[in-house]
Amino acid sequence: LALGILGFVWLANTPAGLFGKADALGYAVCHRIDVRSFSLNGRPLPLCARCTGMYLGAVAGLAYQAVVGRRRMGLPPRRVIAALGLLVLAFMGDGLNSYLTLFPNVTTLYTPQNWLRLLTGTGMGTVLAAALYPSFNQTVWSQWDGRPVLSGLRSVGAMLLLNLGIAGLVLLQSPWTLYPLALISAAGILLVLGMVYMIVLLILFRADNTISQARQLLAPAVGGLILALLQIGLIDLARFWLTGTWDGFHFG
C-alpha cells in the first residue's frame, strides 16, 4: 500500500510518458547535461553518456552474475580486484578530465568525448555489479555458495565484454536499440538503489541470512523500492524547486 501510494504520487507529478518517467529517474542521480548525453530524435537520453554506461553495465553485470554464479558470494582473487581497480581509475580519470572543461582557461589532457564517457561509465557499472551482487547474496540468503562469481580474469573479461557489446549498441544510435536501452538504464537506478536498500533493511531488522526461497524476497524488495523511490522523489522535488525545470543543465 505504501509503495502504491508513493508510486502514484511520483507518477502523477513527473513528466508525462514513459520517456518522461525515465527522465525523472535520471533527474535524481545525473546532471543530464545535454551536450554530454546521447540523443534520440533530437531528445537527450534520460541519463548522460557516462551514467547511461554505468547503469546499463550494472544491470547487465548483475544479470550475468545471476546466470553464471547463483548465490555465490566469495571475494574475487586479487588479480580480479586489480583489474576492477583499473576500471575505477579510468572512470575517475576521464570524469576529472571532463569536469575540468567546465572551467575556462584550464588545460585538460585530452578533449572529452561522449563515447569515452560511455565506455568508462560501462567499466564503472561492471565494478558496481561485481561489488553489489556478492554483497547481496551474502546478506540475503540463509545458504549461499562461498565461491566467487568472478573467479579469474576470464570471467571478469566475459562480463566486461558483454557490457561493452551493449555499449556498442548505444554507439550505433539506432532508435530500435537506443530507446529500450535508455529505458533499461533508467530502470537500473531503481534496481541498484532497491538492492542496496534491501541489504540495509535486512541488516537493520536483523533479518539478514534468513531468506531461503525467492518468494521470501517480496517484503524486503518492496521495502527497498519504497526507500529507493522516496530518495528519488525527494531529490526530484529539491532539484525542481531549485531549477524550475525537468531539463538537464545546458552548458558545455
Protein backbone atom coordinates (compact mmCIF):
# COMPACT_ATOMS: atom_id res chain seq x y z
CA LEU A 1 0.00 0.00 0.00
CA ALA A 2 2.79 2.41 0.90
CA LEU A 3 4.63 1.60 -2.34
CA GLY A 4 1.41 2.08 -4.32
CA ILE A 5 0.67 5.46 -2.75
CA LEU A 6 4.24 6.66 -3.15
CA GLY A 7 4.39 5.41 -6.73
CA PHE A 8 1.10 7.12 -7.60
CA VAL A 9 2.26 10.46 -6.16
CA TRP A 10 5.57 10.23 -8.02
CA LEU A 11 3.94 9.22 -11.31
CA ALA A 12 1.34 11.99 -11.05
CA ASN A 13 3.95 14.70 -10.52
CA THR A 14 6.61 13.75 -13.05
CA PRO A 15 6.72 14.41 -16.81
CA ALA A 16 4.20 12.54 -18.96
CA GLY A 17 5.02 9.47 -21.00
CA LEU A 18 7.34 6.53 -20.48
CA PHE A 19 10.39 8.53 -21.52
CA GLY A 20 9.27 11.35 -19.21
CA LYS A 21 9.25 8.97 -16.25
CA ALA A 22 12.69 7.75 -17.26
CA ASP A 23 13.82 11.40 -17.35
CA ALA A 24 12.54 11.84 -13.80
CA LEU A 25 14.55 8.82 -12.63
CA GLY A 26 17.69 10.17 -14.27
CA TYR A 27 16.95 13.64 -12.92
CA ALA A 28 17.59 12.36 -9.39
CA VAL A 29 21.09 10.97 -9.99
CA CYS A 30 22.55 12.66 -13.09
CA HIS A 31 23.35 16.21 -14.19
CA ARG A 32 21.83 15.36 -17.61
CA ILE A 33 23.93 17.98 -19.42
CA ASP A 34 22.53 17.94 -22.94
CA VAL A 35 25.84 18.07 -24.81
CA ARG A 36 27.19 15.22 -22.68
CA SER A 37 24.27 12.95 -23.48
CA PHE A 38 23.34 10.86 -26.47
CA SER A 39 20.12 11.88 -28.19
CA LEU A 40 17.15 10.06 -29.67
CA ASN A 41 15.46 12.04 -32.44
CA GLY A 42 16.97 15.23 -31.02
CA ARG A 43 15.89 14.43 -27.45
CA PRO A 44 18.63 13.80 -24.85
CA LEU A 45 18.50 10.40 -23.17
CA PRO A 46 17.34 10.21 -19.54
CA LEU A 47 20.96 9.84 -18.41
CA CYS A 48 24.19 11.39 -19.63
CA ALA A 49 26.61 9.23 -21.60
CA ARG A 50 28.62 8.26 -18.52
CA CYS A 51 25.61 7.38 -16.38
CA THR A 52 23.97 5.54 -19.28
CA GLY A 53 27.02 3.29 -19.48
CA MET A 54 27.22 2.89 -15.73
CA TYR A 55 23.64 1.78 -15.17
CA LEU A 56 23.50 -0.38 -18.29
CA GLY A 57 26.74 -2.01 -17.16
CA ALA A 58 25.33 -2.55 -13.68
CA VAL A 59 22.11 -4.14 -14.96
CA ALA A 60 23.89 -6.38 -17.45
CA GLY A 61 26.59 -7.27 -14.92
CA LEU A 62 24.04 -8.25 -12.29
CA ALA A 63 22.15 -10.35 -14.85
CA TYR A 64 25.37 -12.06 -15.97
CA GLN A 65 26.35 -12.97 -12.43
CA ALA A 66 22.85 -14.22 -11.63
CA VAL A 67 23.14 -16.65 -14.55
CA VAL A 68 26.70 -17.91 -14.02
CA GLY A 69 27.03 -17.64 -10.24
CA ARG A 70 23.71 -18.16 -8.50
CA ARG A 71 24.04 -17.33 -4.76
CA ARG A 72 27.83 -17.06 -4.94
CA MET A 73 29.32 -14.51 -2.55
CA GLY A 74 33.05 -15.16 -2.35
CA LEU A 75 35.60 -12.36 -2.59
CA PRO A 76 37.27 -12.36 -6.03
CA PRO A 77 41.03 -13.01 -6.23
CA ARG A 78 43.49 -10.13 -6.15
CA ARG A 79 44.07 -10.12 -9.90
CA VAL A 80 40.35 -9.57 -10.46
CA ILE A 81 40.25 -6.81 -7.85
CA ALA A 82 43.25 -5.18 -9.55
CA ALA A 83 41.50 -5.33 -12.94
CA LEU A 84 38.34 -3.80 -11.47
CA GLY A 85 40.51 -1.14 -9.83
CA LEU A 86 41.84 -0.13 -13.24
CA LEU A 87 38.27 0.36 -14.45
CA VAL A 88 37.62 2.63 -11.46
CA LEU A 89 40.75 4.66 -12.22
CA ALA A 90 39.69 5.04 -15.86
CA PHE A 91 36.25 6.24 -14.73
CA MET A 92 37.75 8.74 -12.28
CA GLY A 93 40.40 9.97 -14.70
CA ASP A 94 38.02 10.57 -17.59
CA GLY A 95 35.47 12.11 -15.23
CA LEU A 96 38.03 14.55 -13.80
CA ASN A 97 39.31 15.47 -17.25
CA SER A 98 35.75 16.08 -18.40
CA TYR A 99 34.89 18.09 -15.28
CA LEU A 100 37.84 20.43 -15.80
CA THR A 101 36.42 21.56 -19.15
CA LEU A 102 33.69 23.38 -17.22
CA PHE A 103 36.29 25.92 -16.15
CA PRO A 104 37.68 28.43 -18.66
CA ASN A 105 41.42 28.55 -19.33
CA VAL A 106 42.02 25.14 -17.72
CA THR A 107 44.18 22.77 -19.74
CA THR A 108 42.95 19.18 -19.98
CA LEU A 109 44.82 16.05 -21.02
CA TYR A 110 42.53 15.44 -23.99
CA THR A 111 39.23 16.56 -25.47
CA PRO A 112 36.38 14.71 -23.74
CA GLN A 113 34.13 12.62 -25.96
CA ASN A 114 30.76 11.05 -25.26
CA TRP A 115 31.96 7.65 -26.47
CA LEU A 116 34.74 7.78 -23.86
CA ARG A 117 32.24 8.78 -21.19
CA LEU A 118 30.06 5.85 -22.19
CA LEU A 119 32.89 3.32 -22.12
CA THR A 120 34.37 4.44 -18.81
CA GLY A 121 30.88 4.54 -17.35
CA THR A 122 30.33 1.00 -18.58
CA GLY A 123 33.52 -0.06 -16.83
CA MET A 124 32.32 1.51 -13.61
CA GLY A 125 28.97 -0.24 -13.99
CA THR A 126 30.87 -3.52 -14.25
CA VAL A 127 32.64 -2.75 -10.98
CA LEU A 128 29.38 -1.77 -9.31
CA ALA A 129 27.76 -5.07 -10.33
CA ALA A 130 30.83 -7.03 -9.21
CA ALA A 131 30.61 -5.46 -5.75
CA LEU A 132 26.83 -5.45 -5.31
CA TYR A 133 25.95 -8.98 -6.39
CA PRO A 134 28.07 -10.94 -3.87
CA SER A 135 27.21 -8.44 -1.12
CA PHE A 136 23.52 -9.02 -1.82
CA ASN A 137 23.93 -12.80 -1.72
CA GLN A 138 25.95 -12.69 1.47
CA THR A 139 23.28 -10.62 3.21
CA VAL A 140 20.11 -12.24 1.89
CA TRP A 141 20.44 -15.99 1.70
CA SER A 142 20.45 -18.42 4.60
CA GLN A 143 22.52 -20.78 2.45
CA TRP A 144 24.97 -19.41 -0.07
CA ASP A 145 27.84 -20.57 -2.23
CA GLY A 146 31.18 -19.40 -0.87
CA ARG A 147 32.90 -19.41 -4.26
CA PRO A 148 33.45 -16.08 -6.05
CA VAL A 149 31.37 -15.33 -9.13
CA LEU A 150 34.35 -13.69 -10.79
CA SER A 151 36.99 -16.31 -10.10
CA GLY A 152 39.53 -15.08 -12.63
CA LEU A 153 40.35 -12.59 -15.34
CA ARG A 154 38.49 -14.69 -17.89
CA SER A 155 35.21 -14.38 -16.02
CA VAL A 156 35.52 -10.64 -15.41
CA GLY A 157 36.61 -10.24 -19.02
CA ALA A 158 33.49 -12.07 -20.21
CA MET A 159 31.26 -9.78 -18.14
CA LEU A 160 33.09 -6.69 -19.36
CA LEU A 161 32.86 -7.90 -22.97
CA LEU A 162 29.10 -8.31 -22.59
CA ASN A 163 28.80 -4.80 -21.19
CA LEU A 164 30.98 -3.32 -23.94
CA GLY A 165 28.81 -5.04 -26.52
CA ILE A 166 25.77 -3.29 -25.05
CA ALA A 167 27.69 -0.01 -25.07
CA GLY A 168 28.39 -0.64 -28.75
CA LEU A 169 24.65 -0.82 -29.37
CA VAL A 170 24.32 2.62 -27.77
CA LEU A 171 27.07 3.97 -30.02
CA LEU A 172 25.16 2.77 -33.08
CA GLN A 173 22.47 5.29 -32.03
CA SER A 174 19.74 3.35 -33.79
CA PRO A 175 16.27 4.19 -32.41
CA TRP A 176 15.45 0.45 -32.42
CA THR A 177 18.11 -0.21 -29.78
CA LEU A 178 18.61 3.20 -28.19
CA TYR A 179 15.04 3.57 -26.93
CA PRO A 180 14.87 0.28 -24.96
CA LEU A 181 18.44 0.70 -23.70
CA ALA A 182 17.60 4.21 -22.45
CA LEU A 183 14.64 2.81 -20.51
CA ILE A 184 16.73 -0.07 -19.12
CA SER A 185 19.43 2.33 -17.95
CA ALA A 186 16.83 4.43 -16.11
CA ALA A 187 15.26 1.31 -14.58
CA GLY A 188 18.76 0.35 -13.46
CA ILE A 189 18.65 3.24 -11.00
CA LEU A 190 15.70 1.65 -9.21
CA LEU A 191 17.32 -1.79 -9.38
CA VAL A 192 20.64 -0.70 -7.88
CA LEU A 193 19.14 1.54 -5.20
CA GLY A 194 16.47 -1.05 -4.39
CA MET A 195 19.08 -3.78 -3.88
CA VAL A 196 21.21 -1.54 -1.67
CA TYR A 197 18.22 -0.60 0.48
CA MET A 198 17.19 -4.25 0.71
CA ILE A 199 20.58 -5.03 2.18
CA VAL A 200 20.28 -2.13 4.63
CA LEU A 201 16.76 -3.11 5.73
CA LEU A 202 17.66 -6.76 6.28
CA ILE A 203 20.62 -5.75 8.44
CA LEU A 204 18.67 -3.13 10.40
CA PHE A 205 15.85 -5.56 11.16
CA ARG A 206 18.32 -8.38 11.89
CA ALA A 207 16.79 -10.45 9.16
CA ASP A 208 19.99 -10.98 7.18
CA ASN A 209 20.74 -14.56 6.14
CA THR A 210 17.14 -15.64 6.74
CA ILE A 211 15.89 -15.97 3.15
CA SER A 212 15.79 -19.49 1.78
CA GLN A 213 13.36 -19.12 -1.14
CA ALA A 214 12.95 -16.42 -3.76
CA ARG A 215 9.33 -15.70 -2.82
CA GLN A 216 10.52 -14.55 0.62
CA LEU A 217 12.26 -11.64 -1.09
CA LEU A 218 8.92 -9.91 -1.73
CA ALA A 219 8.71 -7.97 1.54
CA PRO A 220 12.33 -6.71 1.58
CA ALA A 221 12.11 -5.96 -2.15
CA VAL A 222 9.03 -3.78 -1.60
CA GLY A 223 10.76 -2.05 1.30
CA GLY A 224 13.85 -1.45 -0.82
CA LEU A 225 11.77 0.01 -3.64
CA ILE A 226 9.91 2.30 -1.23
CA LEU A 227 13.16 3.76 0.07
CA ALA A 228 14.65 4.00 -3.42
CA LEU A 229 11.59 5.79 -4.78
CA LEU A 230 11.45 8.03 -1.72
CA GLN A 231 15.07 9.07 -2.26
CA ILE A 232 14.46 9.69 -5.97
CA GLY A 233 11.28 11.65 -5.26
CA LEU A 234 12.88 13.89 -2.65
CA ILE A 235 15.84 14.67 -4.89
CA ASP A 236 13.49 15.33 -7.82
CA LEU A 237 11.48 17.70 -5.64
CA ALA A 238 14.54 19.57 -4.40
CA ARG A 239 16.10 19.90 -7.85
CA PHE A 240 12.85 21.02 -9.48
CA TRP A 241 12.32 23.57 -6.69
CA LEU A 242 15.81 24.96 -7.32
CA THR A 243 15.75 24.95 -11.14
CA GLY A 244 12.08 25.08 -12.08
CA THR A 245 12.62 22.68 -15.00
CA TRP A 246 12.87 18.94 -15.68
CA ASP A 247 15.58 19.57 -18.27
CA GLY A 248 19.24 18.85 -17.69
CA PHE A 249 21.84 21.56 -17.44
CA HIS A 250 22.66 23.42 -20.63
CA PHE A 251 26.35 24.14 -20.78
CA GLY A 252 29.37 22.54 -22.37
